[in-house]
Amino acid sequence: MHVAMFLSNSLRFALSRGLTYSIIKVASAAIFTVLNMAGLDDVTSHSFVQAVRSCAQRSPSSGGQFRKAPLSLTSVK
């Protein structure tokens, strides 16, 4: 939970400065590496952390290439 809150706050900071998704990706990888080296459990695979990374990836600063398209009526049926 703390990692998700840290990444969420980092995302807010990055977006206010016009930075991209790579900042969040690097931070998440660094946290994973440090915890792995210390022999601790991987918390970066938690659903909250994954949701923050997904949100960061779909943010406007990432160029919009990862944005989810709206559902069409034919795909809902």
C-alpha atoms as a PDB file:
ATOM      1  CA  MET A   1       0.000   0.000   0.000  1.00  0.00           C
ATOM      2  CA  HIS A   2       2.833   2.395   0.833  1.00  0.00           C
ATOM      3  CA  VAL A   3       4.505   1.720  -2.497  1.00  0.00           C
ATOM      4  CA  ALA A   4       1.256   2.480  -4.349  1.00  0.00           C
ATOM      5  CA  MET A   5       0.859   5.736  -2.431  1.00  0.00           C
ATOM      6  CA  PHE A   6       4.478   6.685  -3.149  1.00  0.00           C
ATOM      7  CA  LEU A   7       4.092   5.966  -6.871  1.00  0.00           C
ATOM      8  CA  SER A   8       0.768   7.814  -6.967  1.00  0.00           C
ATOM      9  CA  ASN A   9       2.371  10.868  -5.391  1.00  0.00           C
ATOM     10  CA  SER A  10       5.328  10.554  -7.757  1.00  0.00           C
ATOM     11  CA  LEU A  11       2.914  10.373 -10.692  1.00  0.00           C
ATOM     12  CA  ARG A  12       1.207  13.582  -9.568  1.00  0.00           C
ATOM     13  CA  PHE A  13       4.617  15.255  -9.267  1.00  0.00           C
ATOM     14  CA  ALA A  14       5.715  13.952 -12.684  1.00  0.00           C
ATOM     15  CA  LEU A  15       2.525  15.088 -14.418  1.00  0.00           C
ATOM     16  CA  SER A  16       2.820  18.572 -12.911  1.00  0.00           C
ATOM     17  CA  ARG A  17       6.314  18.808 -14.424  1.00  0.00           C
ATOM     18  CA  GLY A  18       5.347  17.330 -17.801  1.00  0.00           C
ATOM     19  CA  LEU A  19       7.364  14.146 -17.270  1.00  0.00           C
ATOM     20  CA  THR A  20       6.400  10.823 -18.785  1.00  0.00           C
ATOM     21  CA  TYR A  21       5.456   7.314 -17.677  1.00  0.00           C
ATOM     22  CA  SER A  22       9.090   6.228 -17.683  1.00  0.00           C
ATOM     23  CA  ILE A  23       9.650   7.990 -14.337  1.00  0.00           C
ATOM     24  CA  ILE A  24       7.052   5.753 -12.657  1.00  0.00           C
ATOM     25  CA  LYS A  25       8.370   2.678 -14.454  1.00  0.00           C
ATOM     26  CA  VAL A  26      11.921   3.351 -13.269  1.00  0.00           C
ATOM     27  CA  ALA A  27      10.787   4.047  -9.695  1.00  0.00           C
ATOM     28  CA  SER A  28       8.784   0.806  -9.626  1.00  0.00           C
ATOM     29  CA  ALA A  29      11.746  -1.160 -11.021  1.00  0.00           C
ATOM     30  CA  ALA A  30      14.090   0.380  -8.445  1.00  0.00           C
ATOM     31  CA  ILE A  31      11.746  -0.541  -5.593  1.00  0.00           C
ATOM     32  CA  PHE A  32      11.460  -4.088  -6.941  1.00  0.00           C
ATOM     33  CA  THR A  33      15.256  -4.416  -7.221  1.00  0.00           C
ATOM     34  CA  VAL A  34      15.953  -3.149  -3.709  1.00  0.00           C
ATOM     35  CA  LEU A  35      13.320  -5.397  -2.144  1.00  0.00           C
ATOM     36  CA  ASN A  36      14.551  -8.372  -4.175  1.00  0.00           C
ATOM     37  CA  MET A  37      18.155  -7.783  -3.091  1.00  0.00           C
ATOM     38  CA  ALA A  38      17.013  -7.571   0.542  1.00  0.00           C
ATOM     39  CA  GLY A  39      15.163 -10.870   0.187  1.00  0.00           C
ATOM     40  CA  LEU A  40      11.762  -9.306   0.860  1.00  0.00           C
ATOM     41  CA  ASP A  41       8.448 -10.019  -0.837  1.00  0.00           C
ATOM     42  CA  ASP A  42       7.668  -8.335  -4.154  1.00  0.00           C
ATOM     43  CA  VAL A  43       5.099  -5.653  -3.374  1.00  0.00           C
ATOM     44  CA  THR A  44       5.283  -4.115  -6.853  1.00  0.00           C
ATOM     45  CA  SER A  45       3.031  -6.866  -8.193  1.00  0.00           C
ATOM     46  CA  HIS A  46       0.200  -5.825  -5.846  1.00  0.00           C
ATOM     47  CA  SER A  47      -2.995  -4.772  -7.628  1.00  0.00           C
ATOM     48  CA  PHE A  48      -2.839  -1.196  -6.238  1.00  0.00           C
ATOM     49  CA  VAL A  49       0.689  -0.713  -7.562  1.00  0.00           C
ATOM     50  CA  GLN A  50      -0.278  -2.188 -10.927  1.00  0.00           C
ATOM     51  CA  ALA A  51      -3.261   0.188 -11.095  1.00  0.00           C
ATOM     52  CA  VAL A  52      -1.020   3.200 -10.474  1.00  0.00           C
ATOM     53  CA  ARG A  53       1.388   2.053 -13.203  1.00  0.00           C
ATOM     54  CA  SER A  54      -1.526   1.495 -15.586  1.00  0.00           C
ATOM     55  CA  CYS A  55      -2.899   4.961 -14.826  1.00  0.00           C
ATOM     56  CA  ALA A  56       0.537   6.487 -15.413  1.00  0.00           C
ATOM     57  CA  GLN A  57       0.897   4.635 -18.696  1.00  0.00           C
ATOM     58  CA  ARG A  58      -2.448   5.981 -19.951  1.00  0.00           C
ATOM     59  CA  SER A  59      -1.781   9.563 -18.850  1.00  0.00           C
ATOM     60  CA  PRO A  60      -1.748  12.304 -21.509  1.00  0.00           C
ATOM     61  CA  SER A  61       1.987  12.853 -20.982  1.00  0.00           C
ATOM     62  CA  SER A  62       2.721   9.370 -22.349  1.00  0.00           C
ATOM     63  CA  GLY A  63       1.650  10.560 -25.780  1.00  0.00           C
ATOM     64  CA  GLY A  64      -1.782   8.956 -25.679  1.00  0.00           C
ATOM     65  CA  GLN A  65      -0.567   5.775 -27.359  1.00  0.00           C
ATOM     66  CA  PHE A  66      -1.711   3.613 -24.432  1.00  0.00           C
ATOM     67  CA  ARG A  67      -5.138   5.188 -23.908  1.00  0.00           C
ATOM     68  CA  LYS A  68      -8.027   2.787 -23.722  1.00  0.00           C
ATOM     69  CA  ALA A  69     -10.557   3.234 -26.515  1.00  0.00           C
ATOM     70  CA  PRO A  70     -14.252   3.497 -25.655  1.00  0.00           C
ATOM     71  CA  LEU A  71     -16.311   0.365 -26.106  1.00  0.00           C
ATOM     72  CA  SER A  72     -18.351   0.134 -29.263  1.00  0.00           C
ATOM     73  CA  LEU A  73     -21.934  -1.061 -29.195  1.00  0.00           C
ATOM     74  CA  THR A  74     -21.075  -4.101 -31.275  1.00  0.00           C
ATOM     75  CA  SER A  75     -18.458  -5.304 -28.770  1.00  0.00           C
ATOM     76  CA  VAL A  76     -20.865  -4.980 -25.832  1.00  0.00           C
ATOM     77  CA  LYS A  77     -23.479  -7.324 -27.274  1.00  0.00           C
END
